[in-house]
């Protein structure tokens, strides 16, 4: 999950740096796109965590084999 966050920050920073060097507006777009990349990275991490949580909850209800459950407490 951390790679998704880092990838968003790096991609946003790279796009911002490219636009700043092309337009000569250092560091305006770098800051803007770094923030957007960070936000996109956070969204991706939350989305991945939810998917993992949903998958774990679905797996918990499946039969894992072994002894059958008993009704005794």
Foldseek 3Di string as FASTA:
>chain_A
DVVLQVVLLVVLQVVQVVVCVVVVPPPVSNVVSNVVSNVRSVVVVVVVVVVVVVVVVVVVPDDPDDDDDDPDD
